[in-house]
Structures are given as C-alpha cells and as structure tokens.
C-alpha cells in the first residue's frame, strides 16, 4: 500500500494551505514554481512547508485534510503546536 501525506503550507501572505500528496517535496516545489500548484497558492508565493504527516491510505489522508480544513486559523495553530 502506498503512503500519503497531509501537509500544511504557510503562504507568503501568512495564510495556510492544506493538501495531500504522495511526495511532499515535489508538491511544494510545484506550488512554488509550476502551473500545477493550486490556484490558491499561485498568488501567494513563495510557500513554505510547515507540517507533514504520513498516512497509510489516500482515503484516510483525505479525511485528515478535510478535518484540518474545517479548523479555524487559531485551531490550526493549536493543531500544529500539538504535533
């Protein structure tokens, strides 16, 4: 079974972006340099990886991503500090 990662980026404007990927380093590079980066991050470059968590399946990674995206900014900060 392939590994997946949930990651959080901090954008140049101080906002957070949450996503999933099989290769975090490659995905962060795409966010910073490629049109394959999310539309949200294209106007907020450069982005910096501030959190990554390895997860067993894509399904579980999507669930964790959804959970993180549902948090407020302050809750995300608390989540980051608890890890």
PDB file of N, CA and C in Angstrom:
ATOM      1  N   UNK A   1       0.847  -1.187   0.000  1.00  0.00           N
ATOM      2  CA  UNK A   1       0.000   0.000   0.000  1.00  0.00           C
ATOM      3  C   UNK A   1       0.890   1.247   0.000  1.00  0.00           C
ATOM      4  N   UNK A   2       0.563   2.199  -0.817  1.00  0.00           N
ATOM      5  CA  UNK A   2       1.392   3.402  -0.910  1.00  0.00           C
ATOM      6  C   UNK A   2       1.069   4.385   0.211  1.00  0.00           C
ATOM      7  N   UNK A   3       2.072   5.132   0.598  1.00  0.00           N
ATOM      8  CA  UNK A   3       1.927   6.129   1.667  1.00  0.00           C
ATOM      9  C   UNK A   3       1.450   7.454   1.075  1.00  0.00           C
ATOM     10  N   UNK A   4       0.686   8.166   1.853  1.00  0.00           N
ATOM     11  CA  UNK A   4       0.223   9.503   1.504  1.00  0.00           C
ATOM     12  C   UNK A   4       0.617  10.447   2.626  1.00  0.00           C
ATOM     13  N   UNK A   5       0.664  11.721   2.304  1.00  0.00           N
ATOM     14  CA  UNK A   5       0.982  12.740   3.289  1.00  0.00           C
ATOM     15  C   UNK A   5      -0.077  13.824   3.262  1.00  0.00           C
ATOM     16  N   UNK A   6      -0.448  14.281   4.444  1.00  0.00           N
ATOM     17  CA  UNK A   6      -1.226  15.510   4.585  1.00  0.00           C
ATOM     18  C   UNK A   6      -0.199  16.573   4.924  1.00  0.00           C
ATOM     19  N   UNK A   7      -0.299  17.723   4.281  1.00  0.00           N
ATOM     20  CA  UNK A   7       0.682  18.776   4.538  1.00  0.00           C
ATOM     21  C   UNK A   7      -0.005  20.120   4.710  1.00  0.00           C
ATOM     22  N   UNK A   8       0.682  21.009   5.417  1.00  0.00           N
ATOM     23  CA  UNK A   8       0.213  22.383   5.573  1.00  0.00           C
ATOM     24  C   UNK A   8       1.341  23.295   5.121  1.00  0.00           C
ATOM     25  N   UNK A   9       0.989  24.241   4.271  1.00  0.00           N
ATOM     26  CA  UNK A   9       1.932  25.245   3.796  1.00  0.00           C
ATOM     27  C   UNK A   9       1.598  26.580   4.432  1.00  0.00           C
ATOM     28  N   UNK A  10       2.622  27.368   4.677  1.00  0.00           N
ATOM     29  CA  UNK A  10       2.400  28.764   5.054  1.00  0.00           C
ATOM     30  C   UNK A  10       2.740  29.592   3.830  1.00  0.00           C
ATOM     31  N   UNK A  11       1.780  30.393   3.387  1.00  0.00           N
ATOM     32  CA  UNK A  11       1.958  31.220   2.198  1.00  0.00           C
ATOM     33  C   UNK A  11       2.645  32.533   2.558  1.00  0.00           C
ATOM     34  N   UNK A  12       3.122  33.232   1.538  1.00  0.00           N
ATOM     35  CA  UNK A  12       3.839  34.492   1.739  1.00  0.00           C
ATOM     36  C   UNK A  12       2.988  35.524   2.472  1.00  0.00           C
ATOM     37  N   UNK A  13       1.660  35.455   2.316  1.00  0.00           N
ATOM     38  CA  UNK A  13       0.779  36.419   2.990  1.00  0.00           C
ATOM     39  C   UNK A  13       0.383  35.964   4.397  1.00  0.00           C
ATOM     40  N   UNK A  14       0.965  34.848   4.870  1.00  0.00           N
ATOM     41  CA  UNK A  14       0.698  34.371   6.224  1.00  0.00           C
ATOM     42  C   UNK A  14      -0.462  33.399   6.338  1.00  0.00           C
ATOM     43  N   UNK A  15      -1.172  33.147   5.240  1.00  0.00           N
ATOM     44  CA  UNK A  15      -2.283  32.199   5.281  1.00  0.00           C
ATOM     45  C   UNK A  15      -1.758  30.771   5.191  1.00  0.00           C
ATOM     46  N   UNK A  16      -2.630  29.819   5.530  1.00  0.00           N
ATOM     47  CA  UNK A  16      -2.279  28.406   5.474  1.00  0.00           C
ATOM     48  C   UNK A  16      -3.001  27.736   4.314  1.00  0.00           C
ATOM     49  N   UNK A  17      -2.337  26.755   3.723  1.00  0.00           N
ATOM     50  CA  UNK A  17      -2.942  25.921   2.691  1.00  0.00           C
ATOM     51  C   UNK A  17      -2.719  24.470   3.089  1.00  0.00           C
ATOM     52  N   UNK A  18      -3.763  23.663   3.044  1.00  0.00           N
ATOM     53  CA  UNK A  18      -3.682  22.252   3.408  1.00  0.00           C
ATOM     54  C   UNK A  18      -3.953  21.394   2.183  1.00  0.00           C
ATOM     55  N   UNK A  19      -3.165  20.335   2.014  1.00  0.00           N
ATOM     56  CA  UNK A  19      -3.359  19.432   0.890  1.00  0.00           C
ATOM     57  C   UNK A  19      -2.841  18.044   1.202  1.00  0.00           C
ATOM     58  N   UNK A  20      -2.964  17.156   0.208  1.00  0.00           N
ATOM     59  CA  UNK A  20      -2.411  15.810   0.333  1.00  0.00           C
ATOM     60  C   UNK A  20      -1.515  15.544  -0.870  1.00  0.00           C
ATOM     61  N   UNK A  21      -0.544  14.659  -0.686  1.00  0.00           N
ATOM     62  CA  UNK A  21       0.367  14.299  -1.774  1.00  0.00           C
ATOM     63  C   UNK A  21       1.082  13.005  -1.429  1.00  0.00           C
ATOM     64  N   UNK A  22       1.631  12.374  -2.451  1.00  0.00           N
ATOM     65  CA  UNK A  22       2.479  11.206  -2.232  1.00  0.00           C
ATOM     66  C   UNK A  22       3.914  11.639  -1.970  1.00  0.00           C
ATOM     67  N   UNK A  23       4.307  12.789  -2.521  1.00  0.00           N
ATOM     68  CA  UNK A  23       5.672  13.303  -2.377  1.00  0.00           C
ATOM     69  C   UNK A  23       5.579  14.784  -2.005  1.00  0.00           C
ATOM     70  N   UNK A  24       5.759  15.089  -0.725  1.00  0.00           N
ATOM     71  CA  UNK A  24       5.585  16.466  -0.240  1.00  0.00           C
ATOM     72  C   UNK A  24       6.582  17.436  -0.866  1.00  0.00           C
ATOM     73  N   UNK A  25       7.848  17.038  -0.953  1.00  0.00           N
ATOM     74  CA  UNK A  25       8.860  17.948  -1.502  1.00  0.00           C
ATOM     75  C   UNK A  25       8.529  18.333  -2.937  1.00  0.00           C
ATOM     76  N   UNK A  26       8.155  17.346  -3.740  1.00  0.00           N
ATOM     77  CA  UNK A  26       7.786  17.615  -5.135  1.00  0.00           C
ATOM     78  C   UNK A  26       6.560  18.524  -5.193  1.00  0.00           C
ATOM     79  N   UNK A  27       5.585  18.248  -4.345  1.00  0.00           N
ATOM     80  CA  UNK A  27       4.343  19.034  -4.362  1.00  0.00           C
ATOM     81  C   UNK A  27       4.596  20.476  -3.941  1.00  0.00           C
ATOM     82  N   UNK A  28       5.447  20.690  -2.937  1.00  0.00           N
ATOM     83  CA  UNK A  28       5.773  22.057  -2.514  1.00  0.00           C
ATOM     84  C   UNK A  28       6.473  22.792  -3.653  1.00  0.00           C
ATOM     85  N   UNK A  29       7.376  22.098  -4.340  1.00  0.00           N
ATOM     86  CA  UNK A  29       8.059  22.710  -5.482  1.00  0.00           C
ATOM     87  C   UNK A  29       7.044  23.099  -6.559  1.00  0.00           C
ATOM     88  N   UNK A  30       6.056  22.238  -6.802  1.00  0.00           N
ATOM     89  CA  UNK A  30       5.006  22.562  -7.774  1.00  0.00           C
ATOM     90  C   UNK A  30       4.221  23.795  -7.332  1.00  0.00           C
ATOM     91  N   UNK A  31       3.903  23.877  -6.054  1.00  0.00           N
ATOM     92  CA  UNK A  31       3.179  25.049  -5.552  1.00  0.00           C
ATOM     93  C   UNK A  31       3.991  26.325  -5.780  1.00  0.00           C
ATOM     94  N   UNK A  32       5.299  26.234  -5.666  1.00  0.00           N
ATOM     95  CA  UNK A  32       6.155  27.417  -5.781  1.00  0.00           C
ATOM     96  C   UNK A  32       6.533  27.786  -7.210  1.00  0.00           C
ATOM     97  N   UNK A  33       6.547  26.814  -8.129  1.00  0.00           N
ATOM     98  CA  UNK A  33       7.107  27.110  -9.449  1.00  0.00           C
ATOM     99  C   UNK A  33       6.247  26.722 -10.634  1.00  0.00           C
ATOM    100  N   UNK A  34       5.293  25.859 -10.443  1.00  0.00           N
ATOM    101  CA  UNK A  34       4.596  25.255 -11.571  1.00  0.00           C
ATOM    102  C   UNK A  34       3.138  25.689 -11.659  1.00  0.00           C
ATOM    103  N   UNK A  35       2.598  25.689 -12.870  1.00  0.00           N
ATOM    104  CA  UNK A  35       1.154  25.912 -13.008  1.00  0.00           C
ATOM    105  C   UNK A  35       0.336  24.781 -12.376  1.00  0.00           C
ATOM    106  N   UNK A  36       0.991  23.656 -12.028  1.00  0.00           N
ATOM    107  CA  UNK A  36       0.298  22.546 -11.366  1.00  0.00           C
ATOM    108  C   UNK A  36      -0.006  22.853  -9.905  1.00  0.00           C
ATOM    109  N   UNK A  37       0.603  23.903  -9.364  1.00  0.00           N
ATOM    110  CA  UNK A  37       0.310  24.302  -7.990  1.00  0.00           C
ATOM    111  C   UNK A  37      -1.133  24.762  -7.883  1.00  0.00           C
ATOM    112  N   UNK A  38      -1.698  24.652  -6.710  1.00  0.00           N
ATOM    113  CA  UNK A  38      -3.094  25.055  -6.501  1.00  0.00           C
ATOM    114  C   UNK A  38      -3.289  26.529  -6.851  1.00  0.00           C
ATOM    115  N   UNK A  39      -4.441  26.831  -7.391  1.00  0.00           N
ATOM    116  CA  UNK A  39      -4.759  28.210  -7.749  1.00  0.00           C
ATOM    117  C   UNK A  39      -4.606  29.137  -6.541  1.00  0.00           C
ATOM    118  N   UNK A  40      -4.980  28.641  -5.361  1.00  0.00           N
ATOM    119  CA  UNK A  40      -4.887  29.438  -4.137  1.00  0.00           C
ATOM    120  C   UNK A  40      -3.454  29.875  -3.869  1.00  0.00           C
ATOM    121  N   UNK A  41      -2.498  28.972  -4.061  1.00  0.00           N
ATOM    122  CA  UNK A  41      -1.108  29.292  -3.715  1.00  0.00           C
ATOM    123  C   UNK A  41      -0.383  30.073  -4.806  1.00  0.00           C
ATOM    124  N   UNK A  42      -0.869  30.040  -6.041  1.00  0.00           N
ATOM    125  CA  UNK A  42      -0.171  30.726  -7.137  1.00  0.00           C
ATOM    126  C   UNK A  42       0.020  32.207  -6.882  1.00  0.00           C
ATOM    127  N   UNK A  43      -0.938  32.840  -6.274  1.00  0.00           N
ATOM    128  CA  UNK A  43      -0.836  34.271  -5.992  1.00  0.00           C
ATOM    129  C   UNK A  43      -0.259  34.572  -4.623  1.00  0.00           C
ATOM    130  N   UNK A  44       0.192  33.529  -3.928  1.00  0.00           N
ATOM    131  CA  UNK A  44       0.681  33.708  -2.552  1.00  0.00           C
ATOM    132  C   UNK A  44       2.073  33.102  -2.371  1.00  0.00           C
ATOM    133  N   UNK A  45       2.832  33.084  -3.445  1.00  0.00           N
ATOM    134  CA  UNK A  45       4.184  32.520  -3.415  1.00  0.00           C
ATOM    135  C   UNK A  45       5.164  33.492  -2.796  1.00  0.00           C
ATOM    136  N   UNK A  46       6.237  32.999  -2.198  1.00  0.00           N
ATOM    137  CA  UNK A  46       6.583  31.595  -2.026  1.00  0.00           C
ATOM    138  C   UNK A  46       5.827  30.971  -0.857  1.00  0.00           C
ATOM    139  N   UNK A  47       5.669  29.658  -0.940  1.00  0.00           N
ATOM    140  CA  UNK A  47       5.046  28.913   0.154  1.00  0.00           C
ATOM    141  C   UNK A  47       6.112  28.075   0.848  1.00  0.00           C
ATOM    142  N   UNK A  48       5.866  27.784   2.129  1.00  0.00           N
ATOM    143  CA  UNK A  48       6.834  27.048   2.940  1.00  0.00           C
ATOM    144  C   UNK A  48       6.110  25.892   3.633  1.00  0.00           C
ATOM    145  N   UNK A  49       6.690  24.707   3.562  1.00  0.00           N
ATOM    146  CA  UNK A  49       6.127  23.539   4.237  1.00  0.00           C
ATOM    147  C   UNK A  49       6.340  23.684   5.739  1.00  0.00           C
ATOM    148  N   UNK A  50       5.237  23.674   6.502  1.00  0.00           N
ATOM    149  CA  UNK A  50       5.371  23.811   7.957  1.00  0.00           C
ATOM    150  C   UNK A  50       4.892  22.568   8.704  1.00  0.00           C
ATOM    151  N   UNK A  51       4.239  21.640   7.982  1.00  0.00           N
ATOM    152  CA  UNK A  51       3.739  20.426   8.637  1.00  0.00           C
ATOM    153  C   UNK A  51       3.524  19.347   7.593  1.00  0.00           C
ATOM    154  N   UNK A  52       3.897  18.121   7.936  1.00  0.00           N
ATOM    155  CA  UNK A  52       3.545  16.964   7.112  1.00  0.00           C
ATOM    156  C   UNK A  52       3.316  15.764   8.019  1.00  0.00           C
ATOM    157  N   UNK A  53       2.358  14.946   7.628  1.00  0.00           N
ATOM    158  CA  UNK A  53       2.009  13.761   8.412  1.00  0.00           C
ATOM    159  C   UNK A  53       1.799  12.599   7.451  1.00  0.00           C
ATOM    160  N   UNK A  54       2.513  11.517   7.692  1.00  0.00           N
ATOM    161  CA  UNK A  54       2.381  10.326   6.849  1.00  0.00           C
ATOM    162  C   UNK A  54       1.131   9.556   7.244  1.00  0.00           C
ATOM    163  N   UNK A  55       0.370   9.145   6.222  1.00  0.00           N
ATOM    164  CA  UNK A  55      -0.883   8.427   6.444  1.00  0.00           C
ATOM    165  C   UNK A  55      -0.921   7.226   5.500  1.00  0.00           C
ATOM    166  N   UNK A  56      -1.507   6.144   5.963  1.00  0.00           N
ATOM    167  CA  UNK A  56      -1.481   4.871   5.231  1.00  0.00           C
ATOM    168  C   UNK A  56      -2.225   4.873   3.895  1.00  0.00           C
ATOM    169  N   UNK A  57      -3.376   5.521   3.830  1.00  0.00           N
ATOM    170  CA  UNK A  57      -4.183   5.425   2.608  1.00  0.00           C
ATOM    171  C   UNK A  57      -4.640   6.806   2.140  1.00  0.00           C
ATOM    172  N   UNK A  58      -4.972   6.877   0.857  1.00  0.00           N
ATOM    173  CA  UNK A  58      -5.474   8.132   0.295  1.00  0.00           C
ATOM    174  C   UNK A  58      -6.781   8.529   0.981  1.00  0.00           C
ATOM    175  N   UNK A  59      -7.620   7.554   1.235  1.00  0.00           N
ATOM    176  CA  UNK A  59      -8.899   7.816   1.891  1.00  0.00           C
ATOM    177  C   UNK A  59      -8.701   8.465   3.260  1.00  0.00           C
ATOM    178  N   UNK A  60      -7.793   7.912   4.058  1.00  0.00           N
ATOM    179  CA  UNK A  60      -7.529   8.482   5.384  1.00  0.00           C
ATOM    180  C   UNK A  60      -6.868   9.853   5.276  1.00  0.00           C
ATOM    181  N   UNK A  61      -6.021  10.033   4.262  1.00  0.00           N
ATOM    182  CA  UNK A  61      -5.381  11.338   4.055  1.00  0.00           C
ATOM    183  C   UNK A  61      -6.430  12.396   3.716  1.00  0.00           C
ATOM    184  N   UNK A  62      -7.394  12.031   2.882  1.00  0.00           N
ATOM    185  CA  UNK A  62      -8.469  12.966   2.535  1.00  0.00           C
ATOM    186  C   UNK A  62      -9.309  13.326   3.760  1.00  0.00           C
ATOM    187  N   UNK A  63      -9.553  12.355   4.619  1.00  0.00           N
ATOM    188  CA  UNK A  63     -10.315  12.622   5.849  1.00  0.00           C
ATOM    189  C   UNK A  63      -9.565  13.584   6.759  1.00  0.00           C
ATOM    190  N   UNK A  64      -8.251  13.378   6.898  1.00  0.00           N
ATOM    191  CA  UNK A  64      -7.437  14.264   7.737  1.00  0.00           C
ATOM    192  C   UNK A  64      -7.372  15.669   7.132  1.00  0.00           C
ATOM    193  N   UNK A  65      -7.234  15.737   5.801  1.00  0.00           N
ATOM    194  CA  UNK A  65      -7.225  17.032   5.114  1.00  0.00           C
ATOM    195  C   UNK A  65      -8.541  17.771   5.372  1.00  0.00           C
ATOM    196  N   UNK A  66      -9.647  17.075   5.243  1.00  0.00           N
ATOM    197  CA  UNK A  66     -10.960  17.678   5.469  1.00  0.00           C
ATOM    198  C   UNK A  66     -11.071  18.198   6.900  1.00  0.00           C
ATOM    199  N   UNK A  67     -10.601  17.395   7.856  1.00  0.00           N
ATOM    200  CA  UNK A  67     -10.633  17.810   9.260  1.00  0.00           C
ATOM    201  C   UNK A  67      -9.824  19.093   9.463  1.00  0.00           C
ATOM    202  N   UNK A  68      -8.603  19.126   8.942  1.00  0.00           N
ATOM    203  CA  UNK A  68      -7.742  20.306   9.121  1.00  0.00           C
ATOM    204  C   UNK A  68      -8.359  21.528   8.454  1.00  0.00           C
ATOM    205  N   UNK A  69      -8.906  21.344   7.256  1.00  0.00           N
ATOM    206  CA  UNK A  69      -9.512  22.476   6.547  1.00  0.00           C
ATOM    207  C   UNK A  69     -10.736  23.022   7.279  1.00  0.00           C
ATOM    208  N   UNK A  70     -11.363  22.194   8.111  1.00  0.00           N
ATOM    209  CA  UNK A  70     -12.549  22.651   8.852  1.00  0.00           C
ATOM    210  C   UNK A  70     -12.181  23.494  10.074  1.00  0.00           C
ATOM    211  N   UNK A  71     -10.905  23.503  10.448  1.00  0.00           N
ATOM    212  CA  UNK A  71     -10.464  24.246  11.628  1.00  0.00           C
ATOM    213  C   UNK A  71     -10.311  25.735  11.323  1.00  0.00           C
ATOM    214  N   UNK A  72     -10.521  26.561  12.336  1.00  0.00           N
ATOM    215  CA  UNK A  72     -10.242  27.993  12.202  1.00  0.00           C
ATOM    216  C   UNK A  72      -8.725  28.182  12.219  1.00  0.00           C
ATOM    217  N   UNK A  73      -8.266  29.373  11.898  1.00  0.00           N
ATOM    218  CA  UNK A  73      -6.828  29.654  11.905  1.00  0.00           C
ATOM    219  C   UNK A  73      -6.221  29.383  13.288  1.00  0.00           C
ATOM    220  N   UNK A  74      -6.886  29.856  14.339  1.00  0.00           N
ATOM    221  CA  UNK A  74      -6.378  29.636  15.696  1.00  0.00           C
ATOM    222  C   UNK A  74      -6.356  28.148  16.047  1.00  0.00           C
ATOM    223  N   UNK A  75      -7.372  27.417  15.622  1.00  0.00           N
ATOM    224  CA  UNK A  75      -7.402  25.975  15.868  1.00  0.00           C
ATOM    225  C   UNK A  75      -6.284  25.267  15.093  1.00  0.00           C
ATOM    226  N   UNK A  76      -5.995  25.746  13.882  1.00  0.00           N
ATOM    227  CA  UNK A  76      -4.887  25.166  13.110  1.00  0.00           C
ATOM    228  C   UNK A  76      -3.561  25.411  13.814  1.00  0.00           C
ATOM    229  N   UNK A  77      -3.379  26.602  14.371  1.00  0.00           N
ATOM    230  CA  UNK A  77      -2.149  26.890  15.121  1.00  0.00           C
ATOM    231  C   UNK A  77      -2.018  25.933  16.303  1.00  0.00           C
ATOM    232  N   UNK A  78      -3.111  25.712  17.029  1.00  0.00           N
ATOM    233  CA  UNK A  78      -3.089  24.790  18.168  1.00  0.00           C
ATOM    234  C   UNK A  78      -2.792  23.367  17.693  1.00  0.00           C
ATOM    235  N   UNK A  79      -3.381  22.971  16.576  1.00  0.00           N
ATOM    236  CA  UNK A  79      -3.134  21.648  15.993  1.00  0.00           C
ATOM    237  C   UNK A  79      -1.655  21.495  15.654  1.00  0.00           C
ATOM    238  N   UNK A  80      -1.072  22.509  15.044  1.00  0.00           N
ATOM    239  CA  UNK A  80       0.345  22.466  14.671  1.00  0.00           C
ATOM    240  C   UNK A  80       1.243  22.356  15.896  1.00  0.00           C
ATOM    241  N   UNK A  81       0.908  23.074  16.947  1.00  0.00           N
ATOM    242  CA  UNK A  81       1.731  23.059  18.157  1.00  0.00           C
ATOM    243  C   UNK A  81       1.578  21.764  18.947  1.00  0.00           C
ATOM    244  N   UNK A  82       0.469  21.043  18.725  1.00  0.00           N
ATOM    245  CA  UNK A  82       0.255  19.788  19.448  1.00  0.00           C
ATOM    246  C   UNK A  82       0.982  18.618  18.789  1.00  0.00           C
ATOM    247  N   UNK A  83       1.474  18.825  17.590  1.00  0.00           N
ATOM    248  CA  UNK A  83       2.119  17.729  16.835  1.00  0.00           C
ATOM    249  C   UNK A  83       3.612  17.736  16.976  1.00  0.00           C
TER     250      UNK A  83
END
